[in-house]
Amino acid sequence: MIRCIIVDDEELAQNVLEKYIAAVPWLSCLRKFDNAIETIAYLEDITVDLMFLDIRMPELSGLKMLNTLSDPPRVILTTAYSEYALESYSYDVIDYLLKPIGFDRFLTAVNKVSKQIQSENAIKTTHQETAIINEIFVYQDGSTYRIVFEDILYIKAEGNYVSIVTEDKNYFVRETLKEIEKRLDASAFARANKSYIVSIHRISKVFGSTVVIGDEKISIGKIYKMKFFEKMNP
């Protein structure tokens, strides 16, 4: 499933894209935004595969917003103004859709994204087969610590820091949850909500939308629920 968001200040344009996304089985629309500021805040915490981004928006344009993102998702630009086409490709976007957007043109664009993701996953699988990584190194209080993945119970966001909780020790590290998540084994860990990543093999119980690890009860957020249970039951 390719997780998408729509960023466009026109409600009609949002509705068209949302309808198109719903018509493609392997696409999922997580959220719609009508401004860049809220989108930037959302992307700090949520992993998104694809963003449909309007170029002309109030306060901050789509292209200027891209300049603020250190790790943007894949982008398909949408606009009613063809003069932005050449400039847009300097931002390494996947495609450029001119409004009004036809469904056939939409499909061409999202198929490019699907092929790119499949290619990246194939490369990633090859790397994993040749080099299995089962540990993470973190810096705390002037020292570097080695933490084996199987020792981790869960990881919790604490502002600009994260707490990596093991049976023996808690590590307080100056990184964001999103940064830490990229360094973990994706098959062994799952994001439960905005503030928690949990070790799947450390889960002792799940009831309703709550997961139990040791004495900790952690809620499973709505937008993470589907992917969370897919990892629990591969």
Protein backbone atom coordinates (compact mmCIF):
# COMPACT_ATOMS: atom_id res chain seq x y z
CA MET A 1 0.00 0.00 0.00
CA ILE A 2 1.34 3.43 -0.99
CA ARG A 3 0.44 5.99 1.69
CA CYS A 4 -0.49 9.39 0.23
CA ILE A 5 -1.37 12.88 1.34
CA ILE A 6 -2.98 15.69 -0.68
CA VAL A 7 -1.80 19.29 -0.26
CA ASP A 8 -4.01 21.75 -2.16
CA ASP A 9 -5.90 24.88 -1.13
CA GLU A 10 -8.76 24.14 -3.56
CA GLU A 11 -11.44 21.82 -2.19
CA LEU A 12 -12.50 20.70 -5.67
CA ALA A 13 -8.95 19.65 -6.53
CA GLN A 14 -8.66 17.78 -3.22
CA ASN A 15 -11.88 15.90 -3.90
CA VAL A 16 -10.80 14.88 -7.40
CA LEU A 17 -7.49 13.48 -6.17
CA GLU A 18 -9.14 11.75 -3.21
CA LYS A 19 -11.61 10.08 -5.61
CA TYR A 20 -8.80 8.95 -7.91
CA ILE A 21 -6.76 7.56 -5.00
CA ALA A 22 -9.78 5.60 -3.74
CA ALA A 23 -10.15 4.03 -7.20
CA VAL A 24 -6.64 2.53 -7.10
CA PRO A 25 -6.45 -0.50 -4.72
CA TRP A 26 -2.79 -0.02 -3.82
CA LEU A 27 -3.14 3.67 -2.87
CA SER A 28 -4.33 5.01 0.48
CA CYS A 29 -5.09 8.66 1.33
CA LEU A 30 -3.96 9.45 4.89
CA ARG A 31 -4.83 13.17 5.07
CA LYS A 32 -5.78 16.26 3.06
CA PHE A 33 -4.26 19.69 3.74
CA ASP A 34 -5.08 23.14 2.41
CA ASN A 35 -1.80 24.80 3.45
CA ALA A 36 1.91 24.06 3.62
CA ILE A 37 2.43 24.95 7.30
CA GLU A 38 0.22 22.16 8.66
CA THR A 39 1.74 19.74 6.16
CA ILE A 40 5.29 20.43 7.36
CA ALA A 41 4.29 19.70 10.98
CA TYR A 42 2.55 16.47 9.94
CA LEU A 43 5.56 15.21 7.98
CA GLU A 44 7.82 15.62 11.01
CA ASP A 45 6.05 12.69 12.67
CA ILE A 46 4.34 10.63 9.97
CA THR A 47 5.99 8.56 7.26
CA VAL A 48 4.38 9.27 3.90
CA ASP A 49 5.20 7.52 0.61
CA LEU A 50 3.71 10.04 -1.81
CA MET A 51 2.56 13.66 -1.65
CA PHE A 52 0.30 15.30 -4.23
CA LEU A 53 1.41 18.92 -3.92
CA ASP A 54 -0.15 22.04 -5.41
CA ILE A 55 2.38 24.68 -6.43
CA ARG A 56 0.37 27.86 -5.83
CA MET A 57 -0.88 28.13 -2.24
CA PRO A 58 -1.29 31.01 0.23
CA GLU A 59 1.46 31.84 2.76
CA LEU A 60 3.95 29.30 1.40
CA SER A 61 4.05 27.85 -2.10
CA GLY A 62 4.48 24.15 -2.75
CA LEU A 63 7.97 24.58 -4.18
CA LYS A 64 9.11 26.75 -1.26
CA MET A 65 7.70 24.15 1.12
CA LEU A 66 9.83 21.47 -0.55
CA ASN A 67 12.91 23.58 0.17
CA THR A 68 12.13 23.42 3.91
CA LEU A 69 11.92 19.61 4.05
CA SER A 70 15.12 17.73 4.84
CA ASP A 71 13.63 14.37 3.91
CA PRO A 72 10.56 14.91 1.70
CA PRO A 73 8.39 12.03 0.48
CA ARG A 74 8.02 11.31 -3.22
CA VAL A 75 6.19 14.20 -4.87
CA ILE A 76 3.74 14.58 -7.72
CA LEU A 77 3.12 18.27 -8.37
CA THR A 78 -0.32 19.53 -9.36
CA THR A 79 -1.04 22.96 -10.80
CA ALA A 80 -3.23 24.90 -13.22
CA TYR A 81 -0.18 26.83 -14.50
CA SER A 82 1.98 25.12 -17.12
CA GLU A 83 4.79 27.69 -16.82
CA TYR A 84 6.04 25.95 -13.64
CA ALA A 85 6.76 22.67 -15.45
CA LEU A 86 10.45 23.25 -16.19
CA GLU A 87 11.25 24.68 -12.75
CA SER A 88 9.46 21.84 -10.96
CA TYR A 89 11.82 19.13 -12.23
CA SER A 90 14.78 20.75 -10.48
CA TYR A 91 13.07 19.59 -7.25
CA ASP A 92 13.42 15.91 -8.22
CA VAL A 93 9.66 15.32 -8.35
CA ILE A 94 8.18 12.15 -9.84
CA ASP A 95 5.71 13.87 -12.17
CA TYR A 96 3.85 17.08 -12.94
CA LEU A 97 0.06 17.04 -13.39
CA LEU A 98 -1.71 19.93 -15.08
CA LYS A 99 -5.24 20.70 -13.88
CA PRO A 100 -7.88 19.65 -14.68
CA ILE A 101 -6.33 16.23 -14.10
CA GLY A 102 -7.70 13.26 -16.06
CA PHE A 103 -7.75 9.81 -14.46
CA ASP A 104 -5.59 8.30 -17.22
CA ARG A 105 -2.87 10.91 -16.63
CA PHE A 106 -3.16 10.35 -12.88
CA LEU A 107 -2.62 6.60 -13.37
CA THR A 108 0.49 7.21 -15.47
CA ALA A 109 1.97 9.31 -12.66
CA VAL A 110 1.21 6.93 -9.79
CA ASN A 111 2.46 3.94 -11.78
CA LYS A 112 5.83 5.71 -11.98
CA VAL A 113 5.81 5.89 -8.18
CA SER A 114 4.90 2.21 -7.86
CA LYS A 115 7.74 1.14 -10.18
CA GLN A 116 10.23 3.31 -8.26
CA ILE A 117 9.19 1.84 -4.91
CA GLN A 118 9.37 -1.72 -6.26
CA SER A 119 12.86 -1.07 -7.58
CA GLU A 120 14.01 0.43 -4.26
CA ASN A 121 12.53 -2.50 -2.32
CA ALA A 122 14.34 -4.98 -4.56
CA ILE A 123 17.65 -3.23 -3.90
CA LYS A 124 16.92 -3.07 -0.17
CA THR A 125 16.12 -6.81 -0.08
CA THR A 126 19.40 -7.60 -1.83
CA HIS A 127 21.32 -5.54 0.72
CA GLN A 128 19.54 -7.23 3.62
CA GLU A 129 20.37 -10.65 2.25
CA THR A 130 24.07 -9.80 2.02
CA ALA A 131 24.42 -7.85 5.26
CA ILE A 132 22.11 -8.50 8.21
CA ILE A 133 22.13 -5.57 10.65
CA ASN A 134 20.78 -6.37 14.11
CA GLU A 135 22.10 -3.50 16.19
CA ILE A 136 22.10 0.26 16.54
CA PHE A 137 24.76 2.62 17.94
CA VAL A 138 23.60 5.67 19.91
CA TYR A 139 25.38 8.60 21.55
CA GLN A 140 24.58 9.61 25.14
CA ASP A 141 26.49 11.63 27.73
CA GLY A 142 29.74 11.66 25.78
CA SER A 143 29.76 7.92 25.07
CA THR A 144 28.61 5.69 22.22
CA TYR A 145 26.51 2.65 23.14
CA ARG A 146 25.75 -0.48 21.14
CA ILE A 147 22.16 -1.70 21.47
CA VAL A 148 21.13 -5.04 19.99
CA PHE A 149 17.67 -4.91 18.41
CA GLU A 150 16.37 -7.92 20.34
CA ASP A 151 17.09 -6.12 23.64
CA ILE A 152 14.82 -3.17 22.81
CA LEU A 153 11.32 -3.17 24.33
CA TYR A 154 10.07 0.09 22.85
CA ILE A 155 11.20 3.57 21.85
CA LYS A 156 9.37 6.70 23.01
CA ALA A 157 9.54 10.27 21.70
CA GLU A 158 10.54 12.88 24.29
CA GLY A 159 10.50 16.23 22.44
CA ASN A 160 13.78 16.47 20.49
CA TYR A 161 14.98 13.28 22.19
CA VAL A 162 13.93 9.63 22.28
CA SER A 163 14.03 7.10 25.10
CA ILE A 164 15.21 3.67 23.96
CA VAL A 165 13.92 1.29 26.63
CA THR A 166 15.56 -2.11 27.18
CA GLU A 167 15.20 -4.58 30.04
CA ASP A 168 18.41 -3.35 31.67
CA LYS A 169 18.65 0.33 30.80
CA ASN A 170 16.95 3.38 29.28
CA TYR A 171 18.96 5.39 26.74
CA PHE A 172 18.09 9.07 26.30
CA VAL A 173 19.26 10.06 22.82
CA ARG A 174 19.09 13.36 20.94
CA GLU A 175 17.33 12.12 17.79
CA THR A 176 13.77 12.23 16.53
CA LEU A 177 11.59 9.14 16.40
CA LYS A 178 11.50 9.39 12.60
CA GLU A 179 15.33 9.39 12.42
CA ILE A 180 15.61 6.38 14.73
CA GLU A 181 12.92 4.50 12.80
CA LYS A 182 15.04 4.62 9.63
CA ARG A 183 17.87 2.80 11.43
CA LEU A 184 15.76 -0.06 12.75
CA ASP A 185 14.88 -3.42 11.20
CA ALA A 186 11.50 -2.62 9.63
CA SER A 187 10.34 -6.22 10.00
CA ALA A 188 11.03 -6.29 13.75
CA PHE A 189 9.63 -2.91 14.82
CA ALA A 190 6.32 -1.12 14.26
CA ARG A 191 5.13 2.44 14.88
CA ALA A 192 2.21 2.20 17.31
CA ASN A 193 1.37 5.90 17.43
CA LYS A 194 2.93 9.35 17.06
CA SER A 195 5.15 8.82 20.10
CA TYR A 196 5.97 5.10 20.24
CA ILE A 197 7.81 2.46 18.21
CA VAL A 198 7.51 -1.03 19.66
CA SER A 199 9.48 -4.25 19.23
CA ILE A 200 7.04 -6.76 17.73
CA HIS A 201 8.59 -9.84 19.36
CA ARG A 202 8.38 -8.14 22.78
CA ILE A 203 4.60 -7.74 22.65
CA SER A 204 2.93 -9.87 25.33
CA LYS A 205 -0.69 -8.92 24.68
CA VAL A 206 -2.92 -6.90 22.36
CA PHE A 207 -6.46 -5.94 23.30
CA GLY A 208 -8.60 -3.57 21.28
CA SER A 209 -6.30 -0.72 20.26
CA THR A 210 -3.77 -1.27 23.03
CA VAL A 211 -0.51 -3.23 23.01
CA VAL A 212 1.21 -4.44 26.19
CA ILE A 213 5.00 -4.73 26.56
CA GLY A 214 6.08 -5.57 30.10
CA ASP A 215 4.24 -3.11 32.36
CA GLU A 216 3.75 -0.56 29.57
CA LYS A 217 0.37 -0.18 27.85
CA ILE A 218 0.66 1.62 24.52
CA SER A 219 -2.26 2.76 22.37
CA ILE A 220 -2.30 2.01 18.63
CA GLY A 221 -3.16 5.16 16.63
CA LYS A 222 -5.83 4.96 13.94
CA ILE A 223 -3.52 5.97 11.08
CA TYR A 224 -0.93 3.35 12.13
CA LYS A 225 -3.35 0.49 12.89
CA MET A 226 -3.48 -1.20 9.49
CA LYS A 227 0.29 -1.23 8.98
CA PHE A 228 0.85 -2.27 12.61
CA PHE A 229 -1.28 -5.39 12.35
CA GLU A 230 0.17 -6.23 8.92
CA LYS A 231 3.59 -6.45 10.60
CA MET A 232 2.22 -8.54 13.47
CA ASN A 233 0.61 -10.97 11.01
CA PRO A 234 2.85 -10.97 7.92
